Amino acid sequence: MIQSPCVAKCGVNEDDICMGCYRNIDEIVGWSKADDAFKAQVWKKIPGRKAELGKGLNSEKISKDRWQEVAARLKEEALVTG
């Protein structure tokens, strides 16, 4: 089991990247259902994102509505591709 990179400083920038853990919103919402291969790939992307984005500011917290919107889209995509 691969641990989440969450550091409990959530907030996404204008590109939907969390400036706490450097995951995009799809990666955050889908994390709990993702397999270890997906999680390992996300972990590999984090250092590059962190270097590129530096210590940017969190623009906004992920709202419940936005979370549910992304979760529904990811579920729909899984149904289409799965």
C-alpha atoms as a PDB file:
ATOM      1  CA  MET A   1       0.000   0.000   0.000  1.00  0.00           C
ATOM      2  CA  ILE A   2       1.403   3.356  -1.051  1.00  0.00           C
ATOM      3  CA  GLN A   3       0.811   6.251   1.322  1.00  0.00           C
ATOM      4  CA  SER A   4      -0.826   9.467   0.194  1.00  0.00           C
ATOM      5  CA  PRO A   5       1.423  12.510  -0.278  1.00  0.00           C
ATOM      6  CA  CYS A   6      -1.185  14.669   1.482  1.00  0.00           C
ATOM      7  CA  VAL A   7       0.320  17.113   3.988  1.00  0.00           C
ATOM      8  CA  ALA A   8      -3.042  18.567   5.111  1.00  0.00           C
ATOM      9  CA  LYS A   9      -2.346  21.972   3.538  1.00  0.00           C
ATOM     10  CA  CYS A  10      -4.952  21.605   0.840  1.00  0.00           C
ATOM     11  CA  GLY A  11      -5.719  24.267  -1.686  1.00  0.00           C
ATOM     12  CA  VAL A  12      -5.543  24.243  -5.448  1.00  0.00           C
ATOM     13  CA  ASN A  13      -3.991  26.813  -7.726  1.00  0.00           C
ATOM     14  CA  GLU A  14      -5.527  28.022 -10.981  1.00  0.00           C
ATOM     15  CA  ASP A  15      -4.398  24.796 -12.702  1.00  0.00           C
ATOM     16  CA  ASP A  16      -6.124  22.574 -10.100  1.00  0.00           C
ATOM     17  CA  ILE A  17      -2.797  21.535  -8.555  1.00  0.00           C
ATOM     18  CA  CYS A  18      -2.747  21.334  -4.759  1.00  0.00           C
ATOM     19  CA  MET A  19       0.071  23.471  -3.464  1.00  0.00           C
ATOM     20  CA  GLY A  20       0.365  21.257  -0.395  1.00  0.00           C
ATOM     21  CA  CYS A  21       0.950  17.850  -2.001  1.00  0.00           C
ATOM     22  CA  TYR A  22       1.401  18.839  -5.677  1.00  0.00           C
ATOM     23  CA  ARG A  23      -1.228  16.420  -6.977  1.00  0.00           C
ATOM     24  CA  ASN A  24      -3.856  17.531  -9.445  1.00  0.00           C
ATOM     25  CA  ILE A  25      -7.489  17.368  -8.468  1.00  0.00           C
ATOM     26  CA  ASP A  26      -8.098  14.127 -10.393  1.00  0.00           C
ATOM     27  CA  GLU A  27      -5.221  12.456  -8.555  1.00  0.00           C
ATOM     28  CA  ILE A  28      -6.503  13.680  -5.193  1.00  0.00           C
ATOM     29  CA  VAL A  29     -10.099  12.613  -5.722  1.00  0.00           C
ATOM     30  CA  GLY A  30      -9.174   9.290  -7.309  1.00  0.00           C
ATOM     31  CA  TRP A  31      -6.426   8.366  -4.833  1.00  0.00           C
ATOM     32  CA  SER A  32      -8.464   6.094  -2.569  1.00  0.00           C
ATOM     33  CA  LYS A  33      -9.600   3.897  -5.470  1.00  0.00           C
ATOM     34  CA  ALA A  34      -6.340   3.977  -7.438  1.00  0.00           C
ATOM     35  CA  ASP A  35      -4.004   1.024  -7.704  1.00  0.00           C
ATOM     36  CA  ASP A  36      -0.392   1.106  -6.548  1.00  0.00           C
ATOM     37  CA  ALA A  37       0.941   1.554 -10.093  1.00  0.00           C
ATOM     38  CA  PHE A  38      -1.079   4.761 -10.479  1.00  0.00           C
ATOM     39  CA  LYS A  39       0.009   5.994  -7.046  1.00  0.00           C
ATOM     40  CA  ALA A  40       3.667   5.303  -7.817  1.00  0.00           C
ATOM     41  CA  GLN A  41       3.376   7.323 -11.038  1.00  0.00           C
ATOM     42  CA  VAL A  42       1.860  10.233  -9.126  1.00  0.00           C
ATOM     43  CA  TRP A  43       4.706  10.143  -6.595  1.00  0.00           C
ATOM     44  CA  LYS A  44       7.202  10.295  -9.496  1.00  0.00           C
ATOM     45  CA  LYS A  45       5.540  13.483 -10.825  1.00  0.00           C
ATOM     46  CA  ILE A  46       5.550  15.358  -7.515  1.00  0.00           C
ATOM     47  CA  PRO A  47       9.228  16.464  -7.376  1.00  0.00           C
ATOM     48  CA  GLY A  48       9.011  17.976 -10.865  1.00  0.00           C
ATOM     49  CA  ARG A  49       5.792  19.781 -10.086  1.00  0.00           C
ATOM     50  CA  LYS A  50       7.217  21.075  -6.826  1.00  0.00           C
ATOM     51  CA  ALA A  51      10.327  22.375  -8.591  1.00  0.00           C
ATOM     52  CA  GLU A  52       8.250  23.978 -11.347  1.00  0.00           C
ATOM     53  CA  LEU A  53       5.650  25.555  -9.092  1.00  0.00           C
ATOM     54  CA  GLY A  54       7.885  26.379  -6.142  1.00  0.00           C
ATOM     55  CA  LYS A  55       6.110  27.644  -3.087  1.00  0.00           C
ATOM     56  CA  GLY A  56       3.055  28.944  -4.853  1.00  0.00           C
ATOM     57  CA  LEU A  57      -0.073  30.030  -3.101  1.00  0.00           C
ATOM     58  CA  ASN A  58      -3.230  28.036  -2.658  1.00  0.00           C
ATOM     59  CA  SER A  59      -5.905  29.863  -4.581  1.00  0.00           C
ATOM     60  CA  GLU A  60      -8.868  28.067  -3.111  1.00  0.00           C
ATOM     61  CA  LYS A  61      -9.857  25.062  -1.120  1.00  0.00           C
ATOM     62  CA  ILE A  62     -11.456  22.229  -3.011  1.00  0.00           C
ATOM     63  CA  SER A  63     -15.168  22.684  -2.443  1.00  0.00           C
ATOM     64  CA  LYS A  64     -17.460  19.764  -1.773  1.00  0.00           C
ATOM     65  CA  ASP A  65     -19.246  20.519  -5.043  1.00  0.00           C
ATOM     66  CA  ARG A  66     -15.983  20.500  -7.025  1.00  0.00           C
ATOM     67  CA  TRP A  67     -14.921  17.254  -5.333  1.00  0.00           C
ATOM     68  CA  GLN A  68     -18.223  15.595  -6.225  1.00  0.00           C
ATOM     69  CA  GLU A  69     -18.027  16.897  -9.787  1.00  0.00           C
ATOM     70  CA  VAL A  70     -14.583  15.373 -10.288  1.00  0.00           C
ATOM     71  CA  ALA A  71     -15.581  12.125  -8.547  1.00  0.00           C
ATOM     72  CA  ALA A  72     -18.590  11.759 -10.860  1.00  0.00           C
ATOM     73  CA  ARG A  73     -16.447  12.431 -13.935  1.00  0.00           C
ATOM     74  CA  LEU A  74     -13.808   9.915 -12.854  1.00  0.00           C
ATOM     75  CA  LYS A  75     -16.518   7.326 -12.204  1.00  0.00           C
ATOM     76  CA  GLU A  76     -18.028   7.954 -15.631  1.00  0.00           C
ATOM     77  CA  GLU A  77     -14.604   7.669 -17.282  1.00  0.00           C
ATOM     78  CA  ALA A  78     -14.007   4.359 -15.478  1.00  0.00           C
ATOM     79  CA  LEU A  79     -17.325   3.030 -16.742  1.00  0.00           C
ATOM     80  CA  VAL A  80     -16.497   4.042 -20.302  1.00  0.00           C
ATOM     81  CA  THR A  81     -12.940   2.655 -20.295  1.00  0.00           C
ATOM     82  CA  GLY A  82     -13.492  -0.276 -17.940  1.00  0.00           C
END
